[in-house]
Amino acid sequence: MNVLLVDHAPFFGGAEAFLLDLVSALNRDEFAPSIITDPRSPVLERFRASGAPVLTTPLPQLNRRPMVGWRLFYAGARLAQLARGAHADMMHSFTVRTHLIGAVAAKISGVPLLWRVCDDTLPRGAAGVFGRVPRVIVAVSQYIAAYYPNLRFAGFAPDGARAPRAISRTDARVQLDLPADAWIVAHLGRLVRWKGQDVFIRALARVAQTIPRVRGLIVGAAHAEDEKPGLLGGGQAYARALRTLADELRAPVTFTGFVREPSLVYAAADVIAHTSIAPEPFGRTVIEAMMHAKPVVAANAGALPEIVTAGTGLLTPPNDADALADALTRLLTDDTLRAHLGAAARQRAESEYSLDRMARRMEHLYRLTAPAQIQNAHRD
């Protein structure tokens, strides 16, 4: 089955990590994936390194742009031409932009489309209109399915996490230049306001008053696309504000920037904090931490309570630095609890969020999306 994976990739994020994981885990005896992205994508070389064929076509921004209808139709027509030329059996779109462009392409080309809705930024009005086109729509979480009641979801397709890299806590700390005797609490995510890094800094400042050896890591990059005000914005302005806050509170926090191998961070850390102040559509870093047997303290909103279930981690109210500080202190001062939660977290991640389970789920959904003759051939 020839599957086109369509992603516009303005930077390397969760959708792109999922795409590369999927390419690596699909059964190549049955599925032949190709990647379509914008020619200006900064992820282009990483896509090419995946071993899957990569095609490019303009996938322009659609929000608040002049002649948006024409831009959408033109991009959809180009994508339809590529889909026909590649003899695609189906298309799989990854982001809001590619959902809309893919819907136009599917109408023009007749190639079936699968939407995997993995965030809550698709306008509900557009979802109602364009959501009639995909043959199959799946949600990354129950939270997302409930957020779009006007979409007909065929099931759920959460991310998967790779098995832990074979590296010791000591070696990981050496590579990251971290003190061997510190308590390390790591926070991973883009530097945007809704990820709540400021909440993490406030909590660490309070924890340090009773646990002087604690150190916080803020792992993530500032992107030019995020240089805007409001909860969804961030970028360099937000990064500067975070550093100022850490200095004012004397919080023991290190800003690492982008880390290409996050497994080093998980191996080096004692606890992982996830502090989104708006509902999280999924929580990829949470399942990665759980796969590394690390206890997680996560905000009790969005999809996170679906992942961090009883006995596998701790949940705290969103935007509550005091509650987060209490939870971190509890974990850092209780070796037995940390070990118990970490072991239970890994067990849950291996059973529900492995790469193999993720790929088998997607393969089932691809079979549902494919034309009838492809489905019949598979049954035969």
Protein backbone atom coordinates (compact mmCIF):
# COMPACT_ATOMS: atom_id res chain seq x y z
CA MET A 1 0.00 0.00 0.00
CA ASN A 2 1.51 3.33 -1.08
CA VAL A 3 0.96 5.79 1.78
CA LEU A 4 1.75 9.50 1.46
CA LEU A 5 2.64 11.15 4.77
CA VAL A 6 1.96 14.89 4.44
CA ASP A 7 3.59 17.28 6.93
CA HIS A 8 4.57 20.94 6.55
CA ALA A 9 7.13 20.91 9.41
CA PRO A 10 8.02 24.56 10.23
CA PHE A 11 10.35 23.08 12.87
CA PHE A 12 11.03 19.67 14.37
CA GLY A 13 8.20 18.96 16.81
CA GLY A 14 5.98 16.17 18.04
CA ALA A 15 4.29 15.59 14.68
CA GLU A 16 7.65 15.17 12.97
CA ALA A 17 8.95 12.85 15.68
CA PHE A 18 5.81 10.74 15.30
CA LEU A 19 6.24 10.67 11.50
CA LEU A 20 9.84 9.46 11.69
CA ASP A 21 8.96 6.86 14.31
CA LEU A 22 6.11 5.63 12.12
CA VAL A 23 8.35 5.32 9.04
CA SER A 24 10.81 3.26 11.06
CA ALA A 25 8.16 0.92 12.51
CA LEU A 26 5.72 0.24 9.64
CA ASN A 27 5.67 -3.25 8.14
CA ARG A 28 7.39 -2.63 4.80
CA ASP A 29 6.07 -5.90 3.36
CA GLU A 30 2.62 -4.31 3.35
CA PHE A 31 3.17 -0.52 3.46
CA ALA A 32 5.39 1.74 1.36
CA PRO A 33 5.50 5.20 2.99
CA SER A 34 6.57 8.36 1.19
CA ILE A 35 6.89 11.78 2.79
CA ILE A 36 5.58 15.01 1.29
CA THR A 37 6.66 18.30 2.84
CA ASP A 38 7.28 21.92 1.97
CA PRO A 39 10.55 22.52 0.06
CA ARG A 40 11.59 25.09 2.72
CA SER A 41 11.06 22.70 5.63
CA PRO A 42 13.94 22.77 8.12
CA VAL A 43 13.25 19.06 8.72
CA LEU A 44 13.80 18.13 5.06
CA GLU A 45 17.20 16.51 5.59
CA ARG A 46 15.99 14.50 8.59
CA PHE A 47 13.07 13.26 6.50
CA ARG A 48 15.48 12.23 3.73
CA ALA A 49 17.68 10.43 6.23
CA SER A 50 14.69 8.25 7.20
CA GLY A 51 15.12 6.16 4.05
CA ALA A 52 11.61 6.90 2.81
CA PRO A 53 11.18 8.72 -0.52
CA VAL A 54 10.66 12.45 0.03
CA LEU A 55 8.70 14.73 -2.31
CA THR A 56 8.20 18.48 -1.91
CA THR A 57 5.38 20.85 -2.79
CA PRO A 58 4.48 24.30 -1.45
CA LEU A 59 2.31 24.01 1.67
CA PRO A 60 1.64 27.70 2.45
CA GLN A 61 0.30 29.26 5.61
CA LEU A 62 -3.45 29.75 5.52
CA ASN A 63 -4.31 31.84 8.59
CA ARG A 64 -4.91 35.56 8.12
CA ARG A 65 -3.41 35.53 4.65
CA PRO A 66 -4.76 37.31 1.55
CA MET A 67 -6.49 35.14 -1.05
CA VAL A 68 -6.62 32.25 1.39
CA GLY A 69 -9.16 30.38 -0.72
CA TRP A 70 -6.92 30.51 -3.78
CA ARG A 71 -3.84 29.54 -1.78
CA LEU A 72 -5.68 26.57 -0.33
CA PHE A 73 -6.98 25.41 -3.71
CA TYR A 74 -3.60 25.84 -5.41
CA ALA A 75 -1.75 23.90 -2.71
CA GLY A 76 -4.42 21.18 -2.76
CA ALA A 77 -4.22 20.89 -6.55
CA ARG A 78 -0.44 20.53 -6.42
CA LEU A 79 -0.70 17.88 -3.73
CA ALA A 80 -3.36 16.03 -5.76
CA GLN A 81 -1.02 16.01 -8.75
CA LEU A 82 1.77 14.54 -6.63
CA ALA A 83 -0.55 11.93 -5.13
CA ARG A 84 -1.67 10.75 -8.55
CA GLY A 85 1.88 10.75 -9.88
CA ALA A 86 3.06 8.66 -6.93
CA HIS A 87 0.18 6.18 -7.45
CA ALA A 88 -0.82 6.76 -3.85
CA ASP A 89 -3.39 4.45 -2.30
CA MET A 90 -4.04 6.93 0.51
CA MET A 91 -2.79 10.11 2.17
CA HIS A 92 -2.17 10.71 5.89
CA SER A 93 -2.06 14.36 7.02
CA PHE A 94 -0.32 15.40 10.24
CA THR A 95 -1.12 19.05 11.00
CA VAL A 96 -3.99 21.51 10.68
CA ARG A 97 -2.49 23.03 7.55
CA THR A 98 -2.05 19.66 5.87
CA HIS A 99 -5.50 18.48 7.01
CA LEU A 100 -7.10 21.33 5.03
CA ILE A 101 -4.80 21.11 2.02
CA GLY A 102 -5.11 17.32 2.07
CA ALA A 103 -8.91 17.55 2.05
CA VAL A 104 -8.78 19.67 -1.12
CA ALA A 105 -6.29 17.23 -2.68
CA ALA A 106 -8.46 14.24 -1.79
CA LYS A 107 -11.51 15.84 -3.44
CA ILE A 108 -9.55 16.60 -6.61
CA SER A 109 -7.60 13.34 -6.89
CA GLY A 110 -10.00 10.82 -5.37
CA VAL A 111 -7.15 9.49 -3.20
CA PRO A 112 -8.57 8.58 0.25
CA LEU A 113 -7.40 10.69 3.17
CA LEU A 114 -6.77 9.96 6.85
CA TRP A 115 -6.69 12.74 9.40
CA ARG A 116 -4.82 12.12 12.64
CA VAL A 117 -5.97 15.02 14.80
CA CYS A 118 -3.26 15.61 17.38
CA ASP A 119 -3.94 19.13 18.64
CA ASP A 120 -6.81 21.51 19.38
CA THR A 121 -5.89 24.31 16.95
CA LEU A 122 -8.14 23.18 14.09
CA PRO A 123 -11.05 25.70 14.06
CA ARG A 124 -14.28 23.89 14.81
CA GLY A 125 -15.99 25.51 11.82
CA ALA A 126 -13.30 24.27 9.44
CA ALA A 127 -13.43 20.87 11.12
CA GLY A 128 -17.14 20.64 10.41
CA VAL A 129 -16.76 21.54 6.73
CA PHE A 130 -13.47 19.89 5.75
CA GLY A 131 -13.99 16.96 8.12
CA ARG A 132 -16.54 15.51 5.72
CA VAL A 133 -13.76 14.65 3.26
CA PRO A 134 -11.42 12.22 5.09
CA ARG A 135 -12.40 8.59 4.87
CA VAL A 136 -11.01 8.00 8.37
CA ILE A 137 -10.41 10.45 11.23
CA VAL A 138 -8.55 9.38 14.37
CA ALA A 139 -7.69 11.24 17.57
CA VAL A 140 -4.45 11.23 19.48
CA SER A 141 -6.39 11.14 22.77
CA GLN A 142 -9.84 11.00 24.32
CA TYR A 143 -9.45 14.68 25.17
CA ILE A 144 -9.12 15.57 21.47
CA ALA A 145 -12.09 13.38 20.52
CA ALA A 146 -14.24 15.18 23.08
CA TYR A 147 -12.94 18.58 21.92
CA TYR A 148 -14.28 17.98 18.39
CA PRO A 149 -17.75 16.45 18.87
CA ASN A 150 -18.65 17.25 15.24
CA LEU A 151 -15.96 14.93 13.84
CA ARG A 152 -16.59 11.23 13.28
CA PHE A 153 -13.62 9.55 14.93
CA ALA A 154 -12.84 5.95 14.01
CA GLY A 155 -10.60 5.40 17.02
CA PHE A 156 -7.47 6.56 18.79
CA ALA A 157 -3.85 6.59 17.65
CA PRO A 158 -1.54 7.86 20.41
CA ASP A 159 2.18 8.29 19.92
CA GLY A 160 4.65 5.58 20.76
CA ALA A 161 7.95 5.87 22.60
CA ARG A 162 11.25 4.24 21.72
CA ALA A 163 12.86 1.79 24.10
CA PRO A 164 15.40 3.44 26.44
CA ARG A 165 18.90 4.01 25.15
CA ALA A 166 21.50 1.91 26.93
CA ILE A 167 23.24 4.61 28.91
CA SER A 168 23.79 4.95 32.64
CA ARG A 169 22.70 7.88 34.78
CA THR A 170 26.36 8.68 35.47
CA ASP A 171 27.43 8.66 31.81
CA ALA A 172 24.41 10.74 30.77
CA ARG A 173 25.30 13.37 33.35
CA VAL A 174 28.88 13.47 32.13
CA GLN A 175 27.71 14.06 28.56
CA LEU A 176 25.34 16.82 29.67
CA ASP A 177 27.92 18.32 32.07
CA LEU A 178 25.68 17.87 35.11
CA PRO A 179 26.83 17.34 38.71
CA ALA A 180 26.89 13.70 39.74
CA ASP A 181 25.45 14.30 43.22
CA ALA A 182 22.56 16.64 42.35
CA TRP A 183 18.86 15.86 42.28
CA ILE A 184 17.89 16.57 38.67
CA VAL A 185 14.34 17.55 37.70
CA ALA A 186 13.92 18.00 33.94
CA HIS A 187 11.29 19.86 31.94
CA LEU A 188 11.16 19.21 28.19
CA GLY A 189 9.14 21.25 25.70
CA ARG A 190 9.05 24.17 23.28
CA LEU A 191 9.64 27.58 24.82
CA VAL A 192 6.05 28.79 24.54
CA ARG A 193 4.02 30.26 27.38
CA TRP A 194 1.37 27.58 27.56
CA LYS A 195 4.01 24.96 28.35
CA GLY A 196 4.39 26.60 31.77
CA GLN A 197 8.15 26.78 32.18
CA ASP A 198 7.59 29.76 34.49
CA VAL A 199 5.55 27.52 36.81
CA PHE A 200 8.45 25.07 36.83
CA ILE A 201 10.92 27.83 37.77
CA ARG A 202 8.75 29.05 40.63
CA ALA A 203 8.37 25.51 41.94
CA LEU A 204 12.12 24.80 41.73
CA ALA A 205 12.91 27.96 43.65
CA ARG A 206 10.72 26.73 46.49
CA VAL A 207 12.06 23.15 46.39
CA ALA A 208 15.63 24.47 46.60
CA GLN A 209 14.86 26.04 49.97
CA THR A 210 14.59 22.56 51.54
CA ILE A 211 16.63 20.49 49.06
CA PRO A 212 19.72 22.58 48.21
CA ARG A 213 21.13 19.90 45.86
CA VAL A 214 18.18 20.12 43.47
CA ARG A 215 18.84 21.30 39.92
CA GLY A 216 16.30 21.98 37.21
CA LEU A 217 16.79 21.50 33.47
CA ILE A 218 14.68 23.40 30.97
CA VAL A 219 15.15 21.54 27.71
CA GLY A 220 13.75 23.18 24.59
CA ALA A 221 14.41 25.72 21.89
CA ALA A 222 12.94 29.12 21.06
CA HIS A 223 11.54 29.25 17.51
CA ALA A 224 11.03 32.33 15.36
CA GLU A 225 7.51 31.12 14.54
CA ASP A 226 6.61 31.57 18.21
CA GLU A 227 7.62 35.25 18.45
CA LYS A 228 4.13 36.51 19.23
CA PRO A 229 2.16 37.62 22.29
CA GLY A 230 -0.38 35.53 24.12
CA LEU A 231 -0.49 32.05 25.56
CA LEU A 232 0.50 30.32 22.29
CA GLY A 233 3.49 32.59 21.72
CA GLY A 234 6.97 32.47 23.17
CA GLY A 235 10.31 32.41 21.37
CA GLN A 236 13.33 34.49 22.39
CA ALA A 237 11.27 37.09 24.27
CA TYR A 238 9.79 34.37 26.46
CA ALA A 239 13.21 32.73 26.90
CA ARG A 240 14.66 36.02 28.17
CA ALA A 241 11.73 36.45 30.57
CA LEU A 242 12.29 32.94 31.94
CA ARG A 243 15.98 33.60 32.56
CA THR A 244 15.12 36.86 34.30
CA LEU A 245 12.57 35.08 36.49
CA ALA A 246 15.08 32.36 37.40
CA ASP A 247 17.66 35.01 38.37
CA GLU A 248 15.16 36.97 40.45
CA LEU A 249 14.01 33.87 42.36
CA ARG A 250 17.51 32.37 42.52
CA ALA A 251 16.07 29.19 41.09
CA PRO A 252 18.76 26.57 40.30
CA VAL A 253 17.76 26.14 36.66
CA THR A 254 19.89 25.40 33.59
CA PHE A 255 18.61 26.20 30.10
CA THR A 256 19.99 23.56 27.73
CA GLY A 257 18.36 24.69 24.49
CA PHE A 258 17.50 21.99 21.96
CA VAL A 259 18.89 18.55 22.83
CA ARG A 260 19.03 16.23 19.83
CA GLU A 261 19.13 13.11 22.04
CA PRO A 262 16.45 13.59 24.72
CA SER A 263 17.16 10.07 25.95
CA LEU A 264 20.28 11.57 27.60
CA VAL A 265 18.02 13.90 29.59
CA TYR A 266 15.74 11.08 30.71
CA ALA A 267 18.70 8.94 31.72
CA ALA A 268 20.28 11.79 33.70
CA ALA A 269 17.12 12.97 35.47
CA ASP A 270 15.57 11.76 38.71
CA VAL A 271 12.12 13.22 38.03
CA ILE A 272 10.38 14.70 34.98
CA ALA A 273 7.97 17.64 35.31
CA HIS A 274 5.27 18.49 32.76
CA THR A 275 3.63 21.81 33.53
CA SER A 276 1.32 22.88 30.70
CA ILE A 277 -1.09 25.58 31.87
CA ALA A 278 -3.51 24.88 29.00
CA PRO A 279 -4.93 21.41 28.28
CA GLU A 280 -2.31 19.18 26.64
CA PRO A 281 -3.65 17.29 23.58
CA PHE A 282 -1.35 14.36 24.33
CA GLY A 283 2.06 14.47 26.07
CA ARG A 284 4.83 12.82 24.09
CA THR A 285 7.57 13.70 26.55
CA VAL A 286 5.52 12.07 29.30
CA ILE A 287 5.39 8.67 27.60
CA GLU A 288 9.09 8.95 26.76
CA ALA A 289 9.88 9.61 30.42
CA MET A 290 7.67 6.71 31.48
CA MET A 291 9.44 4.39 29.03
CA HIS A 292 12.69 5.38 30.78
CA ALA A 293 11.12 4.43 34.14
CA LYS A 294 11.16 8.02 35.37
CA PRO A 295 8.43 9.26 37.73
CA VAL A 296 6.44 12.12 36.21
CA VAL A 297 4.67 15.04 37.84
CA ALA A 298 2.14 16.32 35.28
CA ALA A 299 -0.61 18.93 35.12
CA ASN A 300 -4.02 17.39 35.67
CA ALA A 301 -5.66 18.59 32.44
CA GLY A 302 -6.19 17.60 28.83
CA ALA A 303 -4.92 14.13 27.89
CA LEU A 304 -2.36 13.84 30.69
CA PRO A 305 -4.74 12.08 33.14
CA GLU A 306 -5.31 9.46 30.41
CA ILE A 307 -1.57 8.73 30.37
CA VAL A 308 -0.48 9.24 33.97
CA THR A 309 -2.94 6.93 35.68
CA ALA A 310 -3.11 6.05 39.37
CA GLY A 311 0.16 4.60 40.63
CA THR A 312 2.22 5.60 37.56
CA GLY A 313 2.96 9.24 38.47
CA LEU A 314 1.62 12.30 40.23
CA LEU A 315 -0.87 14.90 38.95
CA THR A 316 -1.10 18.49 40.17
CA PRO A 317 -3.47 21.35 39.30
CA PRO A 318 -2.36 23.36 36.25
CA ASN A 319 -0.53 26.63 36.93
CA ASP A 320 -0.03 25.78 40.61
CA ALA A 321 3.66 26.18 41.47
CA ASP A 322 3.11 25.39 45.13
CA ALA A 323 1.40 22.08 44.40
CA LEU A 324 4.15 21.21 41.93
CA ALA A 325 6.83 22.04 44.51
CA ASP A 326 5.11 19.83 47.09
CA ALA A 327 4.92 16.91 44.63
CA LEU A 328 8.57 17.29 43.60
CA THR A 329 9.70 17.47 47.21
CA ARG A 330 7.71 14.36 48.03
CA LEU A 331 9.35 12.41 45.19
CA LEU A 332 12.89 13.63 45.82
CA THR A 333 12.73 12.70 49.49
CA ASP A 334 11.15 9.26 49.05
CA ASP A 335 13.39 6.75 47.24
CA THR A 336 10.80 3.96 47.52
CA LEU A 337 8.02 6.04 45.98
CA ARG A 338 10.27 7.17 43.11
CA ALA A 339 11.27 3.61 42.33
CA HIS A 340 7.70 2.30 42.57
CA LEU A 341 6.23 4.99 40.32
CA GLY A 342 9.08 4.65 37.81
CA ALA A 343 8.62 0.88 37.50
CA ALA A 344 4.85 1.20 37.12
CA ALA A 345 5.29 3.98 34.57
CA ARG A 346 7.57 1.83 32.42
CA GLN A 347 5.16 -1.10 32.58
CA ARG A 348 2.30 1.11 31.39
CA ALA A 349 4.41 2.69 28.64
CA GLU A 350 5.57 -0.69 27.34
CA SER A 351 2.02 -2.07 27.26
CA GLU A 352 0.22 0.98 25.80
CA TYR A 353 2.76 3.31 24.17
CA SER A 354 5.46 1.22 22.50
CA LEU A 355 6.53 1.93 18.92
CA ASP A 356 5.30 -1.49 17.87
CA ARG A 357 1.82 -0.91 19.31
CA MET A 358 1.69 2.52 17.70
CA ALA A 359 2.61 1.11 14.28
CA ARG A 360 0.12 -1.75 14.46
CA ARG A 361 -2.66 0.71 15.34
CA MET A 362 -1.78 2.90 12.36
CA GLU A 363 -1.57 -0.08 10.01
CA HIS A 364 -5.10 -1.10 11.00
CA LEU A 365 -6.32 2.45 10.34
CA TYR A 366 -4.55 2.55 6.98
CA ARG A 367 -6.40 -0.61 5.95
CA LEU A 368 -9.68 1.08 6.87
CA THR A 369 -8.73 4.13 4.80
CA ALA A 370 -7.56 2.33 1.66
CA PRO A 371 -9.82 1.83 -1.38
CA ALA A 372 -12.02 -1.25 -1.36
CA GLN A 373 -9.86 -3.15 -3.85
CA ILE A 374 -6.80 -2.70 -1.63
CA GLN A 375 -8.73 -3.89 1.42
CA ASN A 376 -10.02 -6.91 -0.49
CA ALA A 377 -6.53 -7.78 -1.69
CA HIS A 378 -5.31 -7.67 1.90
CA ARG A 379 -8.10 -10.00 3.02
CA ASP A 380 -7.27 -12.41 0.20
